[in-house]
Every structure is written in structure tokens, then in C-alpha cells.
Amino acid sequence: MELDRRQLDRILSMDDESFALLARTIAEAAGANKMKTEMLLSNPELLKRRISGLTAEEARALIDSAGKEKSEAILRLLRERGVDIGR
């Protein structure tokens, strides 16, 4: 199953606290800079708006750009939270 708009909207509909926790976990799995992550998460609504503009294909490409090992960790985290985007 591929990432679709419904699944992306599910992530975006999370309350800010849950969304931030998921985003931090994904960022950590991807090896993102913690300071930059916290800057982005200082305004979860803005981040959600930016993400909402992505197509499913763009979101998938963004995840894949982290490299195979990291993208698999991100996908696993999403599945654990009920968002199965397949592989």
C-alpha cells in the first residue's frame, strides 16, 4: 500500500502534542539536527501546513531521501502509530 492523502491527513489531524512527538521521533530516526527540529516544531501549525502541501509522492520521496536504513526506521515508526504506508 502506498502513502495516500487519507493517511497523510491522518497524521496532520493529530493534536499538536502528538504530532510533535511523532515528528521528533521521525526526525531522530532520520538523523536530523535536533536544534533545527525543535525550531520547526516551535510552530506545529506552520509545519502541518507545509506538510499538507505535499503530494503523497513527495512525502514518500522525502522519506526515501533519508537513505534505506533510516527510511525503513521512519516507516516502522509510522506503522507503529497506525499509518501503514507499505513497502
Protein backbone atom coordinates (compact mmCIF):
# COMPACT_ATOMS: atom_id res chain seq x y z
CA MET A 1 0.00 0.00 0.00
CA GLU A 2 1.30 3.43 -0.91
CA LEU A 3 1.08 6.57 1.15
CA ASP A 4 -2.15 8.26 0.19
CA ARG A 5 -3.77 11.57 1.02
CA ARG A 6 -6.02 9.96 3.65
CA GLN A 7 -3.01 8.65 5.57
CA LEU A 8 -1.16 11.94 5.33
CA ASP A 9 -4.28 13.77 6.54
CA ARG A 10 -4.46 11.37 9.46
CA ILE A 11 -1.01 12.47 10.59
CA LEU A 12 -1.89 16.12 10.08
CA SER A 13 -5.08 15.80 12.12
CA MET A 14 -3.16 14.75 15.23
CA ASP A 15 -3.25 17.16 18.15
CA ASP A 16 -0.14 19.35 18.31
CA GLU A 17 1.46 17.41 21.17
CA SER A 18 1.05 14.01 19.48
CA PHE A 19 2.15 15.43 16.13
CA ALA A 20 5.28 16.97 17.71
CA LEU A 21 6.16 13.69 19.44
CA LEU A 22 5.80 11.77 16.18
CA ALA A 23 7.79 14.39 14.27
CA ARG A 24 10.60 14.34 16.86
CA THR A 25 10.74 10.55 16.70
CA ILE A 26 10.87 10.58 12.91
CA ALA A 27 13.48 13.33 12.89
CA GLU A 28 15.62 11.37 15.34
CA ALA A 29 15.32 8.21 13.23
CA ALA A 30 16.34 10.24 10.17
CA GLY A 31 19.34 11.71 11.98
CA ALA A 32 18.05 15.28 11.72
CA ASN A 33 19.64 18.13 13.61
CA LYS A 34 17.89 18.42 16.99
CA MET A 35 18.08 22.21 17.10
CA LYS A 36 16.52 22.55 13.64
CA THR A 37 13.86 20.01 14.56
CA GLU A 38 12.89 21.99 17.64
CA MET A 39 12.80 25.21 15.61
CA LEU A 40 10.39 23.62 13.14
CA LEU A 41 8.28 22.20 15.96
CA SER A 42 8.03 25.54 17.73
CA ASN A 43 5.12 26.20 15.37
CA PRO A 44 3.39 22.87 14.70
CA GLU A 45 0.56 24.51 12.75
CA LEU A 46 3.03 26.01 10.27
CA LEU A 47 4.78 22.67 9.88
CA LYS A 48 1.43 20.94 9.35
CA ARG A 49 0.54 23.50 6.65
CA ARG A 50 3.85 22.86 4.90
CA ILE A 51 3.36 19.11 5.03
CA SER A 52 -0.25 19.41 3.88
CA GLY A 53 1.02 20.93 0.63
CA LEU A 54 2.96 17.77 -0.20
CA THR A 55 1.56 15.16 -2.52
CA ALA A 56 1.74 11.56 -1.35
CA GLU A 57 4.55 11.00 -3.85
CA GLU A 58 6.51 13.98 -2.49
CA ALA A 59 6.06 12.75 1.08
CA ARG A 60 7.27 9.29 0.07
CA ALA A 61 10.28 10.78 -1.77
CA LEU A 62 11.12 12.87 1.30
CA ILE A 63 11.11 9.75 3.49
CA ASP A 64 13.16 7.82 0.92
CA SER A 65 15.73 10.62 0.73
CA ALA A 66 16.88 9.71 4.25
CA GLY A 67 18.50 6.56 2.86
CA LYS A 68 17.39 2.95 3.05
CA GLU A 69 18.13 2.22 6.72
CA LYS A 70 16.71 5.48 8.01
CA SER A 71 13.66 5.41 5.74
CA GLU A 72 12.88 1.88 6.95
CA ALA A 73 13.09 3.12 10.56
CA ILE A 74 10.74 6.01 9.73
CA LEU A 75 8.28 3.67 8.01
CA ARG A 76 8.39 1.33 11.00
CA LEU A 77 7.62 4.24 13.36
CA LEU A 78 4.69 5.31 11.22
CA ARG A 79 3.30 1.77 11.12
CA GLU A 80 3.60 1.51 14.91
CA ARG A 81 1.41 4.59 15.09
CA GLY A 82 -1.19 3.16 12.74
CA VAL A 83 -0.06 4.75 9.48
CA ASP A 84 0.85 1.89 7.15
CA ILE A 85 2.39 3.27 4.01
CA GLY A 86 3.70 -0.07 2.82
CA ARG A 87 6.89 -1.05 1.09
